[in-house]
Every structure is written in C-alpha cells, then in structure tokens.
Amino acid sequence: MSSRLIAVTVDCRDAGALAEFWREALGYPRAERWRDSHGLTYVELKAPDRPSLLFQPVPEGRCYEDVADSTGSQRRRTHMP
C-alpha cells in the first residue's frame, strides 16, 4: 500500500518570510495569505499536483506532514526541532 503526501504544515515565528523562501526555493507559483480572528497571518503555498505548504505563526517550531494511503485514510506525523 502506498501513501501520498497531502500537505505540510510548518509552525514558525515569521510565516511570511519562511513561506517566501520556500516558494522561491521550490518554485510554487503563488502564496495565499489570510488573517485569523486574533490578527495572526497565515500563508499557504499551492500548486497543481503538489502538496500544500501551510506556514502558521507560533513561537515554537514544528513540522507536520499529512499523508493519505490508497484507501483514503489520513494520518499526521509531527516533527519537533
């Protein structure tokens, strides 16, 4: 059974700067930004047939990968620095 990467979420201090770095490094065509009710800005990189990359502003850094297997079951894996 194979799995596919759906999305990567990165917790970081400066979502805008880190998202722009990875957008240029990986060649993602666009970045979408939005603010939540607390005024925090989130940035998501999207491209056809590629996993979404979401950068969210938090003080501690973590990285999450969301994968789905061939049955559609989804799992999340967390990496801490």
Protein backbone atom coordinates (compact mmCIF):
# COMPACT_ATOMS: atom_id res chain seq x y z
CA MET A 1 0.00 0.00 0.00
CA SER A 2 1.47 3.35 -0.99
CA SER A 3 0.84 6.73 0.58
CA ARG A 4 0.88 10.23 -0.80
CA LEU A 5 1.79 13.49 0.86
CA ILE A 6 -1.23 15.82 1.04
CA ALA A 7 0.11 18.79 2.99
CA VAL A 8 2.94 20.03 5.16
CA THR A 9 2.24 22.46 7.99
CA VAL A 10 5.12 24.45 9.44
CA ASP A 11 4.86 26.25 12.78
CA CYS A 12 7.29 29.17 12.72
CA ARG A 13 7.89 32.67 14.08
CA ASP A 14 7.77 34.51 10.72
CA ALA A 15 5.29 32.75 8.43
CA GLY A 16 5.62 35.31 5.63
CA ALA A 17 9.40 35.19 5.38
CA LEU A 18 9.65 31.42 5.62
CA ALA A 19 6.85 30.89 3.11
CA GLU A 20 8.50 33.24 0.62
CA PHE A 21 11.82 31.42 0.99
CA TRP A 22 10.20 28.03 0.28
CA ARG A 23 8.01 29.44 -2.51
CA GLU A 24 11.11 30.58 -4.38
CA ALA A 25 13.21 27.51 -3.50
CA LEU A 26 10.54 25.00 -4.61
CA GLY A 27 9.00 27.03 -7.43
CA TYR A 28 5.47 27.31 -6.08
CA PRO A 29 3.58 29.81 -8.25
CA ARG A 30 1.54 31.59 -5.60
CA ALA A 31 1.08 32.24 -1.91
CA GLU A 32 -2.30 32.85 -0.29
CA ARG A 33 -2.40 34.89 2.92
CA TRP A 34 -5.17 35.35 5.44
CA ARG A 35 -5.67 36.56 9.00
CA ASP A 36 -7.49 34.81 11.78
CA SER A 37 -9.70 36.45 14.40
CA HIS A 38 -6.61 37.14 16.56
CA GLY A 39 -4.84 39.05 13.79
CA LEU A 40 -2.28 36.31 13.02
CA THR A 41 -1.29 35.98 9.36
CA TYR A 42 -1.11 32.52 7.79
CA VAL A 43 0.47 31.75 4.42
CA GLU A 44 -0.34 28.76 2.20
CA LEU A 45 1.58 27.71 -0.90
CA LYS A 46 -0.41 25.82 -3.51
CA ALA A 47 0.41 24.27 -6.86
CA PRO A 48 -1.35 21.67 -9.03
CA ASP A 49 -0.41 18.07 -8.22
CA ARG A 50 1.84 19.14 -5.32
CA PRO A 51 1.24 19.09 -1.57
CA SER A 52 0.05 22.31 0.05
CA LEU A 53 2.54 24.03 2.34
CA LEU A 54 0.98 25.96 5.23
CA PHE A 55 3.03 28.30 7.40
CA GLN A 56 1.45 29.36 10.67
CA PRO A 57 2.88 31.82 13.20
CA VAL A 58 3.65 30.26 16.57
CA PRO A 59 6.61 30.71 18.94
CA GLU A 60 7.79 27.08 18.89
CA GLY A 61 8.80 25.41 15.64
CA ARG A 62 7.23 22.16 14.48
CA CYS A 63 6.53 20.50 11.17
CA TYR A 64 3.54 18.27 10.40
CA GLU A 65 3.09 16.03 7.36
CA ASP A 66 -0.38 14.89 6.38
CA VAL A 67 -0.43 11.73 4.26
CA ALA A 68 -3.20 9.58 2.81
CA ASP A 69 -2.96 5.92 1.88
CA SER A 70 -4.64 4.29 -1.10
CA THR A 71 -7.84 3.74 0.92
CA GLY A 72 -8.13 7.47 1.68
CA SER A 73 -7.24 7.07 5.35
CA GLN A 74 -5.29 10.10 6.54
CA ARG A 75 -2.52 10.34 9.14
CA ARG A 76 -0.47 13.16 10.60
CA ARG A 77 3.18 12.96 11.58
CA THR A 78 4.81 15.61 13.75
CA HIS A 79 8.48 16.61 13.83
CA MET A 80 9.85 18.74 16.62
CA PRO A 81 13.21 20.53 16.49
